[in-house]
Amino acid sequence: MSFTVVYFLSFVIVAATGCKPINAFWMQHSIEWLATNREYTCRNDRFPVIFSGVLSILGDAYSLVIPALILLKLNLPKRQVLGMYLVFGLGVS
């Protein structure tokens, strides 16, 4: 849970401080706003987007690995374990 909260907050901060003025981050995609506001600067957001994708993949991986490790320790029939893996796998996709 803490991973998700830190992940969310860090990228909200990066997004909010990526442009000057701050509202340019959202408004730069509006034709009407661009027609009247030409003086804004925004950082290249390529790195934050790639980093966000990597963290998202890591979050999905740990949400699968932790239950899988717990399931391995349980004395359940193989069919039941495979069913549980399927349930956890559907939750990630």
Foldseek 3Di string as FASTA:
>chain_A
DVLVVVLVVVVVVCLQPFKVVSCCSVCVVPPVVCVPDVDMDGDDCPVVVVVSVVSLVVVLVVLLVVVLVVLVPDPDDPVVSVVVSVVSVVVSD
